[in-house]
N, C-alpha and C. Protein backbone atom coordinates (compact mmCIF):
# COMPACT_ATOMS: atom_id res chain seq x y z
N MET A 1 -72.73 -24.03 66.28
CA MET A 1 -71.71 -24.18 67.30
C MET A 1 -70.41 -23.56 66.78
N LYS A 2 -69.83 -22.69 67.58
CA LYS A 2 -68.58 -22.05 67.20
C LYS A 2 -67.40 -22.88 67.70
N SER A 3 -66.39 -22.94 66.87
CA SER A 3 -65.19 -23.65 67.32
C SER A 3 -64.19 -22.60 67.82
N HIS A 4 -63.59 -22.91 68.93
CA HIS A 4 -62.60 -22.00 69.52
C HIS A 4 -61.21 -22.48 69.14
N GLN A 5 -60.47 -21.57 68.55
CA GLN A 5 -59.09 -21.91 68.22
C GLN A 5 -58.20 -21.29 69.27
N THR A 6 -57.55 -22.13 70.05
CA THR A 6 -56.68 -21.62 71.09
C THR A 6 -55.26 -21.55 70.57
N ALA A 7 -54.53 -20.58 71.06
CA ALA A 7 -53.14 -20.43 70.65
C ALA A 7 -52.32 -21.58 71.21
N GLN A 8 -51.50 -22.13 70.37
CA GLN A 8 -50.63 -23.23 70.81
C GLN A 8 -49.54 -22.64 71.70
N THR A 9 -49.37 -23.21 72.89
CA THR A 9 -48.36 -22.70 73.82
C THR A 9 -47.41 -23.82 74.20
N MET A 10 -46.28 -23.41 74.75
CA MET A 10 -45.28 -24.38 75.20
C MET A 10 -44.67 -23.88 76.49
N LYS A 11 -44.10 -24.81 77.23
CA LYS A 11 -43.40 -24.45 78.46
C LYS A 11 -42.15 -23.65 78.09
N ALA A 12 -41.69 -22.88 79.05
CA ALA A 12 -40.49 -22.07 78.83
C ALA A 12 -39.29 -22.95 78.49
N ALA A 13 -39.20 -24.14 79.09
CA ALA A 13 -38.07 -25.03 78.80
C ALA A 13 -38.06 -25.44 77.33
N THR A 14 -39.24 -25.72 76.77
CA THR A 14 -39.33 -26.09 75.37
C THR A 14 -38.95 -24.92 74.48
N ALA A 15 -39.44 -23.74 74.82
CA ALA A 15 -39.12 -22.54 74.04
C ALA A 15 -37.62 -22.26 74.09
N ALA A 16 -37.01 -22.40 75.27
CA ALA A 16 -35.57 -22.16 75.41
C ALA A 16 -34.79 -23.14 74.53
N LYS A 17 -35.24 -24.39 74.51
CA LYS A 17 -34.58 -25.40 73.69
C LYS A 17 -34.67 -25.02 72.21
N LYS A 18 -35.85 -24.60 71.78
CA LYS A 18 -36.04 -24.20 70.39
C LYS A 18 -35.22 -22.95 70.04
N LEU A 19 -35.01 -22.08 71.02
CA LEU A 19 -34.22 -20.88 70.80
C LEU A 19 -32.72 -21.12 70.95
N GLY A 20 -32.35 -22.30 71.46
CA GLY A 20 -30.94 -22.64 71.64
C GLY A 20 -30.28 -21.91 72.78
N VAL A 21 -31.04 -21.65 73.84
CA VAL A 21 -30.47 -20.95 75.00
C VAL A 21 -30.65 -21.77 76.27
N TYR A 22 -29.84 -21.47 77.26
CA TYR A 22 -29.84 -22.15 78.55
C TYR A 22 -30.92 -21.52 79.42
N LEU A 23 -31.95 -22.29 79.74
CA LEU A 23 -33.12 -21.76 80.46
C LEU A 23 -32.78 -21.01 81.75
N PRO A 24 -31.92 -21.55 82.64
CA PRO A 24 -31.64 -20.81 83.88
C PRO A 24 -31.00 -19.43 83.66
N ALA A 25 -30.47 -19.18 82.47
CA ALA A 25 -29.86 -17.88 82.20
C ALA A 25 -30.85 -16.88 81.61
N THR A 26 -32.06 -17.32 81.30
CA THR A 26 -33.07 -16.42 80.74
C THR A 26 -33.70 -15.59 81.85
N PRO A 27 -34.35 -14.47 81.47
CA PRO A 27 -35.02 -13.65 82.49
C PRO A 27 -36.11 -14.44 83.23
N ALA A 28 -36.35 -14.07 84.47
CA ALA A 28 -37.33 -14.77 85.32
C ALA A 28 -38.72 -14.80 84.69
N GLU A 29 -39.14 -13.70 84.07
CA GLU A 29 -40.48 -13.68 83.47
C GLU A 29 -40.60 -14.67 82.31
N PHE A 30 -39.49 -14.93 81.62
CA PHE A 30 -39.50 -15.94 80.56
C PHE A 30 -39.58 -17.34 81.18
N GLN A 31 -38.77 -17.58 82.20
CA GLN A 31 -38.72 -18.90 82.85
C GLN A 31 -40.05 -19.30 83.47
N GLN A 32 -40.78 -18.33 84.00
CA GLN A 32 -42.00 -18.63 84.74
C GLN A 32 -43.26 -18.62 83.87
N GLY A 33 -43.13 -18.22 82.64
CA GLY A 33 -44.30 -18.11 81.79
C GLY A 33 -44.43 -19.24 80.79
N VAL A 34 -45.43 -19.11 79.96
CA VAL A 34 -45.59 -20.00 78.82
C VAL A 34 -45.40 -19.15 77.58
N VAL A 35 -45.01 -19.79 76.49
CA VAL A 35 -44.71 -19.06 75.27
C VAL A 35 -45.63 -19.59 74.17
N SER A 36 -46.30 -18.67 73.50
CA SER A 36 -47.16 -19.09 72.39
C SER A 36 -46.29 -19.27 71.14
N ARG A 37 -46.84 -19.95 70.17
CA ARG A 37 -46.12 -20.15 68.90
C ARG A 37 -45.80 -18.79 68.27
N ALA A 38 -46.75 -17.86 68.34
CA ALA A 38 -46.54 -16.52 67.78
C ALA A 38 -45.41 -15.79 68.51
N GLU A 39 -45.39 -15.92 69.84
CA GLU A 39 -44.31 -15.28 70.62
C GLU A 39 -42.96 -15.89 70.28
N LEU A 40 -42.92 -17.20 70.12
CA LEU A 40 -41.67 -17.87 69.75
C LEU A 40 -41.19 -17.37 68.39
N ASN A 41 -42.10 -17.30 67.43
CA ASN A 41 -41.74 -16.80 66.10
C ASN A 41 -41.22 -15.37 66.18
N GLU A 42 -41.83 -14.55 67.01
CA GLU A 42 -41.38 -13.17 67.18
C GLU A 42 -40.00 -13.12 67.83
N LEU A 43 -39.76 -13.96 68.83
CA LEU A 43 -38.44 -14.02 69.46
C LEU A 43 -37.37 -14.44 68.46
N GLN A 44 -37.71 -15.37 67.57
CA GLN A 44 -36.76 -15.83 66.56
C GLN A 44 -36.50 -14.76 65.51
N ALA A 45 -37.56 -14.06 65.10
CA ALA A 45 -37.44 -13.04 64.06
C ALA A 45 -36.79 -11.76 64.57
N ASN A 46 -37.17 -11.34 65.76
CA ASN A 46 -36.67 -10.09 66.35
C ASN A 46 -36.22 -10.34 67.78
N PRO A 47 -35.07 -10.98 67.96
CA PRO A 47 -34.65 -11.32 69.33
C PRO A 47 -34.39 -10.07 70.18
N PRO A 48 -34.91 -10.07 71.41
CA PRO A 48 -34.62 -8.95 72.31
C PRO A 48 -33.14 -9.00 72.73
N GLU A 49 -32.71 -7.96 73.37
CA GLU A 49 -31.29 -7.84 73.76
C GLU A 49 -30.83 -9.03 74.61
N TRP A 50 -31.64 -9.47 75.58
CA TRP A 50 -31.23 -10.57 76.45
C TRP A 50 -31.00 -11.85 75.65
N LEU A 51 -31.81 -12.07 74.61
CA LEU A 51 -31.66 -13.26 73.79
C LEU A 51 -30.42 -13.16 72.91
N ARG A 52 -30.18 -12.00 72.32
CA ARG A 52 -28.96 -11.81 71.51
C ARG A 52 -27.72 -12.01 72.37
N GLU A 53 -27.75 -11.46 73.58
CA GLU A 53 -26.61 -11.58 74.50
C GLU A 53 -26.36 -13.04 74.88
N LEU A 54 -27.43 -13.78 75.20
CA LEU A 54 -27.28 -15.20 75.56
C LEU A 54 -26.72 -16.01 74.40
N ARG A 55 -27.24 -15.77 73.21
CA ARG A 55 -26.77 -16.52 72.04
C ARG A 55 -25.31 -16.21 71.73
N HIS A 56 -24.90 -14.99 72.00
CA HIS A 56 -23.52 -14.60 71.69
C HIS A 56 -22.53 -15.03 72.76
N ASN A 57 -22.85 -14.76 74.03
CA ASN A 57 -21.91 -14.99 75.13
C ASN A 57 -22.22 -16.19 76.01
N GLY A 58 -23.43 -16.70 75.96
CA GLY A 58 -23.79 -17.83 76.81
C GLY A 58 -24.22 -17.36 78.18
N PRO A 59 -24.35 -18.28 79.10
CA PRO A 59 -23.99 -19.69 79.01
C PRO A 59 -24.87 -20.43 78.00
N HIS A 60 -24.25 -21.38 77.32
CA HIS A 60 -24.90 -22.15 76.27
C HIS A 60 -25.29 -23.53 76.81
N PRO A 61 -26.45 -24.07 76.36
CA PRO A 61 -26.83 -25.42 76.76
C PRO A 61 -25.89 -26.45 76.12
N ARG A 62 -25.87 -27.64 76.67
CA ARG A 62 -24.94 -28.68 76.21
C ARG A 62 -25.01 -28.97 74.71
N PRO A 63 -26.19 -29.02 74.08
CA PRO A 63 -26.19 -29.27 72.63
C PRO A 63 -25.44 -28.19 71.85
N VAL A 64 -25.55 -26.94 72.29
CA VAL A 64 -24.84 -25.86 71.62
C VAL A 64 -23.34 -25.97 71.91
N VAL A 65 -22.99 -26.27 73.14
CA VAL A 65 -21.58 -26.43 73.50
C VAL A 65 -20.96 -27.55 72.66
N ALA A 66 -21.67 -28.67 72.55
CA ALA A 66 -21.16 -29.81 71.77
C ALA A 66 -20.96 -29.41 70.32
N ALA A 67 -21.92 -28.70 69.75
CA ALA A 67 -21.81 -28.28 68.35
C ALA A 67 -20.63 -27.32 68.15
N LYS A 68 -20.46 -26.39 69.07
CA LYS A 68 -19.36 -25.42 68.95
C LYS A 68 -18.00 -26.11 69.09
N LEU A 69 -17.94 -27.18 69.86
CA LEU A 69 -16.68 -27.91 70.04
C LEU A 69 -16.48 -29.00 68.99
N GLY A 70 -17.54 -29.33 68.25
CA GLY A 70 -17.44 -30.36 67.23
C GLY A 70 -17.42 -31.77 67.79
N VAL A 71 -18.16 -31.97 68.89
CA VAL A 71 -18.24 -33.29 69.52
C VAL A 71 -19.70 -33.61 69.80
N SER A 72 -19.96 -34.83 70.24
CA SER A 72 -21.32 -35.22 70.62
C SER A 72 -21.59 -34.82 72.07
N ILE A 73 -22.86 -34.84 72.45
CA ILE A 73 -23.21 -34.55 73.84
C ILE A 73 -22.62 -35.63 74.75
N ALA A 74 -22.63 -36.87 74.29
CA ALA A 74 -22.02 -37.96 75.07
C ALA A 74 -20.52 -37.72 75.22
N GLY A 75 -19.90 -37.19 74.17
CA GLY A 75 -18.47 -36.87 74.22
C GLY A 75 -18.18 -35.81 75.27
N LEU A 76 -19.09 -34.83 75.38
CA LEU A 76 -18.93 -33.81 76.42
C LEU A 76 -18.94 -34.47 77.80
N ALA A 77 -19.90 -35.37 78.00
CA ALA A 77 -20.01 -36.05 79.29
C ALA A 77 -18.75 -36.86 79.58
N ARG A 78 -18.26 -37.57 78.56
CA ARG A 78 -17.03 -38.35 78.76
C ARG A 78 -15.85 -37.45 79.10
N GLY A 79 -15.89 -36.20 78.60
CA GLY A 79 -14.84 -35.24 78.90
C GLY A 79 -15.04 -34.51 80.21
N GLY A 80 -16.14 -34.84 80.91
CA GLY A 80 -16.38 -34.23 82.22
C GLY A 80 -17.15 -32.92 82.15
N ILE A 81 -17.67 -32.56 80.98
CA ILE A 81 -18.43 -31.32 80.84
C ILE A 81 -19.91 -31.66 80.99
N THR A 82 -20.48 -31.27 82.12
CA THR A 82 -21.89 -31.58 82.36
C THR A 82 -22.74 -30.33 82.52
N GLU A 83 -22.12 -29.17 82.58
CA GLU A 83 -22.84 -27.92 82.79
C GLU A 83 -22.75 -27.04 81.55
N ALA A 84 -23.57 -26.01 81.54
CA ALA A 84 -23.53 -25.02 80.47
C ALA A 84 -22.19 -24.27 80.52
N LEU A 85 -21.70 -23.87 79.35
CA LEU A 85 -20.45 -23.12 79.27
C LEU A 85 -20.69 -21.80 78.55
N THR A 86 -19.88 -20.80 78.88
CA THR A 86 -19.95 -19.53 78.18
C THR A 86 -19.11 -19.62 76.91
N THR A 87 -19.29 -18.67 76.03
CA THR A 87 -18.51 -18.63 74.80
C THR A 87 -17.02 -18.54 75.14
N GLU A 88 -16.69 -17.78 76.16
CA GLU A 88 -15.29 -17.62 76.59
C GLU A 88 -14.71 -18.96 77.04
N GLN A 89 -15.48 -19.73 77.80
CA GLN A 89 -15.01 -21.05 78.26
C GLN A 89 -14.84 -22.02 77.08
N ILE A 90 -15.75 -21.94 76.12
CA ILE A 90 -15.66 -22.80 74.94
C ILE A 90 -14.41 -22.46 74.15
N GLU A 91 -14.16 -21.17 73.96
CA GLU A 91 -12.96 -20.75 73.22
C GLU A 91 -11.69 -21.17 73.94
N ALA A 92 -11.70 -21.11 75.27
CA ALA A 92 -10.53 -21.54 76.05
C ALA A 92 -10.28 -23.03 75.85
N LEU A 93 -11.35 -23.83 75.83
CA LEU A 93 -11.20 -25.26 75.58
C LEU A 93 -10.64 -25.53 74.19
N LYS A 94 -11.11 -24.77 73.21
CA LYS A 94 -10.60 -24.93 71.84
C LYS A 94 -9.11 -24.61 71.78
N GLN A 95 -8.72 -23.56 72.50
CA GLN A 95 -7.31 -23.16 72.51
C GLN A 95 -6.43 -24.21 73.20
N ASP A 96 -6.89 -24.68 74.35
CA ASP A 96 -6.12 -25.66 75.12
C ASP A 96 -6.15 -27.04 74.49
N GLU A 97 -7.25 -27.35 73.83
CA GLU A 97 -7.54 -28.66 73.25
C GLU A 97 -6.99 -29.80 74.10
N PRO A 98 -7.68 -30.08 75.23
CA PRO A 98 -7.26 -31.20 76.07
C PRO A 98 -7.35 -32.51 75.29
N GLU A 99 -6.71 -33.52 75.80
CA GLU A 99 -6.66 -34.81 75.12
C GLU A 99 -8.05 -35.37 74.83
N TRP A 100 -8.96 -35.24 75.81
CA TRP A 100 -10.31 -35.77 75.61
C TRP A 100 -11.01 -35.09 74.44
N LEU A 101 -10.77 -33.78 74.26
CA LEU A 101 -11.42 -33.04 73.18
C LEU A 101 -10.89 -33.49 71.82
N ALA A 102 -9.60 -33.65 71.72
CA ALA A 102 -9.01 -34.13 70.46
C ALA A 102 -9.55 -35.51 70.11
N LYS A 103 -9.63 -36.38 71.11
CA LYS A 103 -10.14 -37.74 70.90
C LYS A 103 -11.60 -37.72 70.46
N GLU A 104 -12.42 -36.92 71.14
CA GLU A 104 -13.84 -36.84 70.81
C GLU A 104 -14.08 -36.22 69.44
N ARG A 105 -13.26 -35.24 69.06
CA ARG A 105 -13.38 -34.66 67.72
C ARG A 105 -13.04 -35.69 66.66
N ALA A 106 -12.02 -36.49 66.91
CA ALA A 106 -11.65 -37.55 65.97
C ALA A 106 -12.77 -38.58 65.86
N THR A 107 -13.35 -38.95 66.99
CA THR A 107 -14.47 -39.89 66.99
C THR A 107 -15.63 -39.33 66.19
N GLN A 108 -15.96 -38.07 66.42
CA GLN A 108 -17.07 -37.43 65.71
C GLN A 108 -16.79 -37.38 64.21
N ALA A 109 -15.56 -37.12 63.82
CA ALA A 109 -15.20 -37.09 62.40
C ALA A 109 -15.39 -38.47 61.77
N GLU A 110 -15.03 -39.52 62.50
CA GLU A 110 -15.23 -40.88 62.00
C GLU A 110 -16.71 -41.21 61.85
N VAL A 111 -17.51 -40.77 62.81
CA VAL A 111 -18.96 -41.00 62.75
C VAL A 111 -19.54 -40.31 61.52
N ARG A 112 -19.13 -39.07 61.26
CA ARG A 112 -19.63 -38.34 60.09
C ARG A 112 -19.20 -39.03 58.80
N LYS A 113 -17.97 -39.49 58.77
CA LYS A 113 -17.44 -40.18 57.59
C LYS A 113 -18.23 -41.46 57.31
N GLU A 114 -18.50 -42.23 58.35
CA GLU A 114 -19.25 -43.48 58.21
C GLU A 114 -20.70 -43.18 57.79
N THR A 115 -21.29 -42.16 58.36
CA THR A 115 -22.66 -41.78 57.98
C THR A 115 -22.72 -41.40 56.51
N ALA A 116 -21.75 -40.64 56.04
CA ALA A 116 -21.71 -40.25 54.63
C ALA A 116 -21.53 -41.48 53.74
N ARG A 117 -20.68 -42.41 54.17
CA ARG A 117 -20.45 -43.63 53.39
C ARG A 117 -21.74 -44.44 53.26
N LEU A 118 -22.46 -44.59 54.37
CA LEU A 118 -23.71 -45.35 54.35
C LEU A 118 -24.78 -44.66 53.51
N LYS A 119 -24.82 -43.35 53.58
CA LYS A 119 -25.79 -42.59 52.80
C LYS A 119 -25.51 -42.77 51.31
N LYS A 120 -24.24 -42.70 50.94
CA LYS A 120 -23.85 -42.89 49.54
C LYS A 120 -24.18 -44.31 49.08
N ARG A 121 -23.86 -45.30 49.91
CA ARG A 121 -24.15 -46.70 49.57
C ARG A 121 -25.64 -46.91 49.37
N ASP A 122 -26.45 -46.36 50.28
CA ASP A 122 -27.90 -46.51 50.17
C ASP A 122 -28.44 -45.82 48.92
N ALA A 123 -27.88 -44.66 48.58
CA ALA A 123 -28.31 -43.95 47.37
C ALA A 123 -27.98 -44.77 46.13
N GLU A 124 -26.80 -45.38 46.11
CA GLU A 124 -26.41 -46.21 44.98
C GLU A 124 -27.33 -47.43 44.86
N ARG A 125 -27.66 -48.02 45.97
CA ARG A 125 -28.57 -49.18 45.95
C ARG A 125 -29.96 -48.78 45.48
N ALA A 126 -30.41 -47.60 45.90
CA ALA A 126 -31.72 -47.11 45.51
C ALA A 126 -31.77 -46.89 43.99
N GLU A 127 -30.66 -46.40 43.42
CA GLU A 127 -30.58 -46.20 41.97
C GLU A 127 -30.68 -47.54 41.24
N GLN A 128 -30.14 -48.58 41.85
CA GLN A 128 -30.14 -49.90 41.23
C GLN A 128 -31.45 -50.64 41.51
N GLY A 129 -32.31 -50.06 42.33
CA GLY A 129 -33.59 -50.69 42.64
C GLY A 129 -33.53 -51.64 43.81
N ASP A 130 -32.42 -51.73 44.49
CA ASP A 130 -32.31 -52.60 45.66
C ASP A 130 -32.86 -51.86 46.89
N GLU A 131 -33.26 -52.65 47.86
CA GLU A 131 -33.69 -52.08 49.13
C GLU A 131 -32.46 -51.75 49.96
N PRO A 132 -32.43 -50.56 50.60
CA PRO A 132 -31.28 -50.22 51.47
C PRO A 132 -31.21 -51.12 52.68
N ARG A 133 -30.00 -51.53 53.03
CA ARG A 133 -29.77 -52.36 54.23
C ARG A 133 -28.76 -51.66 55.10
N SER A 134 -28.84 -51.90 56.37
CA SER A 134 -27.89 -51.29 57.28
C SER A 134 -26.70 -52.17 57.51
């Protein structure tokens, strides 16, 4: 009996997420198709012009927008940003730095600081043989 090895495929939405691009901005043939693992690897290794353009100019999906602004996705929502933004729009927000953005950046900085503190505490406890506690 022969075993058939089928290529692992994913929906276009999953591939777009892995590529860090906004699905509605991708070409129609990408949106309507399925992407194999090999095709995804090829897109990552040798991005076509449309992919390079999307990554550079956008529109960018919310996780990318949040990362570029230094805030959480929830922070974007609290700031009223619910749609994809272009690189130009992100840069304009950085320049204007509305009150909500400054507040969310400060919140994110505190979260990172607390995460680092907990990680350090847990590492110290692990060195002493104690079980880490939250």
